[in-house]
Amino acid sequence: MKTILFVCVENSNRSQMAEAFARLHGAGRVAAASAGSRPSGRINPRAIAAMAEKGYDLTTHTSKGLEAFNGTPVDVVVTMGCGDECPLVPAARRIDWRIPDPREMDEVAFRGVRDLIEGQVKGLLSALGAPG
């Protein structure tokens, strides 16, 4: 089973939604987690609402830091486009998706980012041989 770690700064929006989609579409085929370099300590309520529309309960997640994954072997690290703010995490494979931060976007644009993340996750799962 491949392990995927989605990394962003706050671990409250993009990386959380990516982890959720990997769990939703890759259930039993991948192990997914997310973390932030400076976690906010909470999941954005807008991300919770956006994922509820997709049938996923993001209230079960917590915003966590990268230290939780120190020494943990990871097959794929996906950074969400936070540039230099996302630290280098050792992994067999690194990907940067350049996903815009939806935090200040209106609801339509926020959902657009959510849907973009879902498409990216499905593509990654397919590339890993674990299509959802």
Protein backbone atom coordinates (compact mmCIF):
# COMPACT_ATOMS: atom_id res chain seq x y z
CA MET A 1 0.00 0.00 0.00
CA LYS A 2 1.44 3.40 -1.03
CA THR A 3 1.58 6.19 1.53
CA ILE A 4 0.78 9.76 0.49
CA LEU A 5 1.40 12.86 2.58
CA PHE A 6 -0.24 16.13 1.48
CA VAL A 7 1.65 19.15 2.82
CA CYS A 8 0.73 22.80 3.08
CA VAL A 9 1.38 25.65 5.49
CA GLU A 10 -1.72 25.71 7.73
CA ASN A 11 -3.15 22.22 7.10
CA SER A 12 -6.64 23.68 7.19
CA ASN A 13 -7.89 23.74 3.56
CA ARG A 14 -6.09 22.29 0.52
CA SER A 15 -4.06 19.54 2.16
CA GLN A 16 -7.03 18.48 4.27
CA MET A 17 -9.31 18.21 1.23
CA ALA A 18 -6.62 16.30 -0.68
CA GLU A 19 -6.24 13.83 2.19
CA ALA A 20 -10.03 13.42 2.30
CA PHE A 21 -10.28 12.72 -1.43
CA ALA A 22 -7.40 10.24 -1.27
CA ARG A 23 -9.21 8.41 1.53
CA LEU A 24 -12.53 8.62 -0.28
CA HIS A 25 -11.31 7.48 -3.71
CA GLY A 26 -8.34 5.34 -2.66
CA ALA A 27 -9.87 3.56 0.31
CA GLY A 28 -8.01 0.34 1.05
CA ARG A 29 -5.46 1.04 -1.70
CA VAL A 30 -3.48 3.98 -0.27
CA ALA A 31 -2.75 5.39 3.16
CA ALA A 32 -3.27 9.16 3.11
CA ALA A 33 -2.37 11.87 5.61
CA SER A 34 -1.82 15.62 5.65
CA ALA A 35 0.26 18.07 7.65
CA GLY A 36 1.33 21.68 7.77
CA SER A 37 4.61 23.49 8.33
CA ARG A 38 2.76 25.98 10.57
CA PRO A 39 -0.59 24.30 11.30
CA SER A 40 -3.48 26.58 12.17
CA GLY A 41 -4.84 24.15 14.74
CA ARG A 42 -8.25 23.99 13.08
CA ILE A 43 -9.94 22.91 9.88
CA ASN A 44 -11.53 25.79 7.98
CA PRO A 45 -15.34 25.55 8.40
CA ARG A 46 -15.69 26.34 4.69
CA ALA A 47 -13.57 23.29 3.83
CA ILE A 48 -15.75 21.21 6.15
CA ALA A 49 -18.89 22.46 4.36
CA ALA A 50 -17.38 21.96 0.89
CA MET A 51 -16.40 18.38 1.68
CA ALA A 52 -19.80 17.63 3.25
CA GLU A 53 -21.26 18.43 -0.19
CA LYS A 54 -19.10 15.55 -1.50
CA GLY A 55 -20.24 13.18 1.25
CA TYR A 56 -17.08 13.38 3.37
CA ASP A 57 -17.03 14.39 7.06
CA LEU A 58 -13.96 16.56 7.49
CA THR A 59 -14.84 17.20 11.16
CA THR A 60 -13.06 13.92 11.95
CA HIS A 61 -9.72 15.48 10.85
CA THR A 62 -7.33 17.61 12.90
CA SER A 63 -4.83 20.24 11.77
CA LYS A 64 -1.40 18.79 12.52
CA GLY A 65 2.25 19.65 12.05
CA LEU A 66 4.96 17.87 10.11
CA GLU A 67 6.68 16.73 13.31
CA ALA A 68 4.00 14.02 13.54
CA PHE A 69 5.61 12.43 10.47
CA ASN A 70 9.32 12.71 11.36
CA GLY A 71 10.99 9.43 10.49
CA THR A 72 7.86 7.99 8.92
CA PRO A 73 8.57 6.51 5.48
CA VAL A 74 6.45 8.15 2.79
CA ASP A 75 6.10 7.07 -0.83
CA VAL A 76 4.72 10.34 -2.19
CA VAL A 77 4.74 13.87 -0.77
CA VAL A 78 2.42 16.33 -2.49
CA THR A 79 2.88 20.01 -1.73
CA MET A 80 -0.09 22.18 -2.54
CA GLY A 81 1.68 25.12 -4.17
CA CYS A 82 2.87 27.01 -1.13
CA GLY A 83 6.33 27.58 -2.61
CA ASP A 84 9.22 28.07 -0.24
CA GLU A 85 6.93 27.94 2.80
CA CYS A 86 6.49 24.17 2.39
CA PRO A 87 9.56 22.43 3.74
CA LEU A 88 11.29 19.57 2.01
CA VAL A 89 9.89 16.31 3.32
CA PRO A 90 11.89 13.18 2.43
CA ALA A 91 9.96 10.86 0.14
CA ALA A 92 10.49 8.47 -2.75
CA ARG A 93 8.56 10.92 -4.96
CA ARG A 94 7.74 14.64 -4.63
CA ILE A 95 5.01 16.52 -6.49
CA ASP A 96 3.96 20.18 -6.29
CA TRP A 97 0.45 20.85 -7.57
CA ARG A 98 0.39 24.67 -7.45
CA ILE A 99 -3.19 24.76 -6.12
CA PRO A 100 -4.38 28.30 -5.28
CA ASP A 101 -5.23 28.96 -1.64
CA PRO A 102 -9.04 29.17 -1.46
CA ARG A 103 -9.16 30.76 2.01
CA GLU A 104 -10.25 34.23 0.78
CA MET A 105 -12.23 33.04 -2.26
CA ASP A 106 -15.99 33.24 -2.67
CA GLU A 107 -18.00 30.03 -2.37
CA VAL A 108 -18.06 29.28 -6.11
CA ALA A 109 -14.29 29.69 -6.44
CA PHE A 110 -13.73 27.71 -3.21
CA ARG A 111 -15.72 24.81 -4.65
CA GLY A 112 -13.71 25.13 -7.87
CA VAL A 113 -10.49 24.62 -5.91
CA ARG A 114 -12.07 21.66 -4.10
CA ASP A 115 -13.02 20.10 -7.43
CA LEU A 116 -9.55 20.79 -8.86
CA ILE A 117 -8.03 18.98 -5.87
CA GLU A 118 -10.38 16.03 -6.39
CA GLY A 119 -9.30 15.74 -10.03
CA GLN A 120 -5.62 15.92 -9.08
CA VAL A 121 -6.07 13.24 -6.42
CA LYS A 122 -7.88 10.93 -8.85
CA GLY A 123 -5.04 11.40 -11.35
CA LEU A 124 -2.43 10.63 -8.69
CA LEU A 125 -4.28 7.50 -7.59
CA SER A 126 -4.45 6.33 -11.18
CA ALA A 127 -0.72 6.99 -11.67
CA LEU A 128 0.00 4.98 -8.52
CA GLY A 129 -2.09 2.07 -9.77
CA ALA A 130 -4.82 2.69 -7.21
CA PRO A 131 -7.63 4.30 -9.23
CA GLY A 132 -10.68 5.43 -7.30
